[in-house]
Amino acid sequence: MAGNNVSHSKVRTKRRFLPNLQPARVLEGGRLVRVTLCTRCMRTAAKAPR
């Protein structure tokens, strides 16, 4: 996603919004696998078993 940095003088320069990626271990097929997930996906995965 893209947007603007806006300085105190209101000068706009382009910036990027990047996902918050974190290393995580996930149960996949009965075994733990290391994957890189965004924090929103980690929250959703934590809610899934309920």
C-alpha atoms as a PDB file:
ATOM      1  CA  MET A   1       0.000   0.000   0.000  1.00  0.00           C
ATOM      2  CA  ALA A   2       1.280   3.518  -0.704  1.00  0.00           C
ATOM      3  CA  GLY A   3       0.643   6.913   0.803  1.00  0.00           C
ATOM      4  CA  ASN A   4       2.318  10.174   1.725  1.00  0.00           C
ATOM      5  CA  ASN A   5       4.653  11.413   4.444  1.00  0.00           C
ATOM      6  CA  VAL A   6       3.421  14.878   5.388  1.00  0.00           C
ATOM      7  CA  SER A   7       5.979  17.191   6.990  1.00  0.00           C
ATOM      8  CA  HIS A   8       5.270  20.111   9.291  1.00  0.00           C
ATOM      9  CA  SER A   9       5.347  22.402   6.223  1.00  0.00           C
ATOM     10  CA  LYS A  10       2.757  20.123   4.545  1.00  0.00           C
ATOM     11  CA  VAL A  11       5.220  18.945   1.847  1.00  0.00           C
ATOM     12  CA  ARG A  12       4.094  15.511   0.692  1.00  0.00           C
ATOM     13  CA  THR A  13       6.548  12.761  -0.263  1.00  0.00           C
ATOM     14  CA  LYS A  14       5.654   9.190  -1.223  1.00  0.00           C
ATOM     15  CA  ARG A  15       5.992   6.359   1.296  1.00  0.00           C
ATOM     16  CA  ARG A  16       5.046   2.699   1.498  1.00  0.00           C
ATOM     17  CA  PHE A  17       3.025   0.904   4.155  1.00  0.00           C
ATOM     18  CA  LEU A  18       4.527  -2.575   4.570  1.00  0.00           C
ATOM     19  CA  PRO A  19       2.946  -5.537   6.376  1.00  0.00           C
ATOM     20  CA  ASN A  20       4.246  -6.332   9.865  1.00  0.00           C
ATOM     21  CA  LEU A  21       5.874  -9.711   9.103  1.00  0.00           C
ATOM     22  CA  GLN A  22       7.092 -11.926  11.940  1.00  0.00           C
ATOM     23  CA  PRO A  23       8.619 -15.426  12.028  1.00  0.00           C
ATOM     24  CA  ALA A  24       6.238 -17.949  13.598  1.00  0.00           C
ATOM     25  CA  ARG A  25       5.792 -21.673  14.110  1.00  0.00           C
ATOM     26  CA  VAL A  26       2.508 -23.104  12.847  1.00  0.00           C
ATOM     27  CA  LEU A  27       1.034 -26.576  13.179  1.00  0.00           C
ATOM     28  CA  GLU A  28       0.723 -27.968   9.666  1.00  0.00           C
ATOM     29  CA  GLY A  29      -0.216 -31.600   9.157  1.00  0.00           C
ATOM     30  CA  GLY A  30       0.555 -32.448  12.782  1.00  0.00           C
ATOM     31  CA  ARG A  31       4.052 -30.921  12.838  1.00  0.00           C
ATOM     32  CA  LEU A  32       5.470 -27.472  13.571  1.00  0.00           C
ATOM     33  CA  VAL A  33       6.625 -25.502  10.512  1.00  0.00           C
ATOM     34  CA  ARG A  34       8.466 -22.163  10.547  1.00  0.00           C
ATOM     35  CA  VAL A  35       6.656 -19.566   8.432  1.00  0.00           C
ATOM     36  CA  THR A  36       6.610 -15.783   8.054  1.00  0.00           C
ATOM     37  CA  LEU A  37       3.184 -14.328   8.890  1.00  0.00           C
ATOM     38  CA  CYS A  38       1.739 -10.865   9.246  1.00  0.00           C
ATOM     39  CA  THR A  39       0.569 -10.083  12.782  1.00  0.00           C
ATOM     40  CA  ARG A  40      -3.068  -9.850  11.646  1.00  0.00           C
ATOM     41  CA  CYS A  41      -2.836 -13.428  10.303  1.00  0.00           C
ATOM     42  CA  MET A  42      -1.329 -14.569  13.610  1.00  0.00           C
ATOM     43  CA  ARG A  43      -4.291 -13.081  15.504  1.00  0.00           C
ATOM     44  CA  THR A  44      -6.763 -14.749  13.123  1.00  0.00           C
ATOM     45  CA  ALA A  45      -4.959 -18.110  13.436  1.00  0.00           C
ATOM     46  CA  ALA A  46      -5.101 -17.864  17.241  1.00  0.00           C
ATOM     47  CA  LYS A  47      -8.884 -17.415  17.082  1.00  0.00           C
ATOM     48  CA  ALA A  48      -9.481 -20.311  14.638  1.00  0.00           C
ATOM     49  CA  PRO A  49      -9.673 -23.260  17.136  1.00  0.00           C
ATOM     50  CA  ARG A  50     -12.359 -21.533  19.214  1.00  0.00           C
END
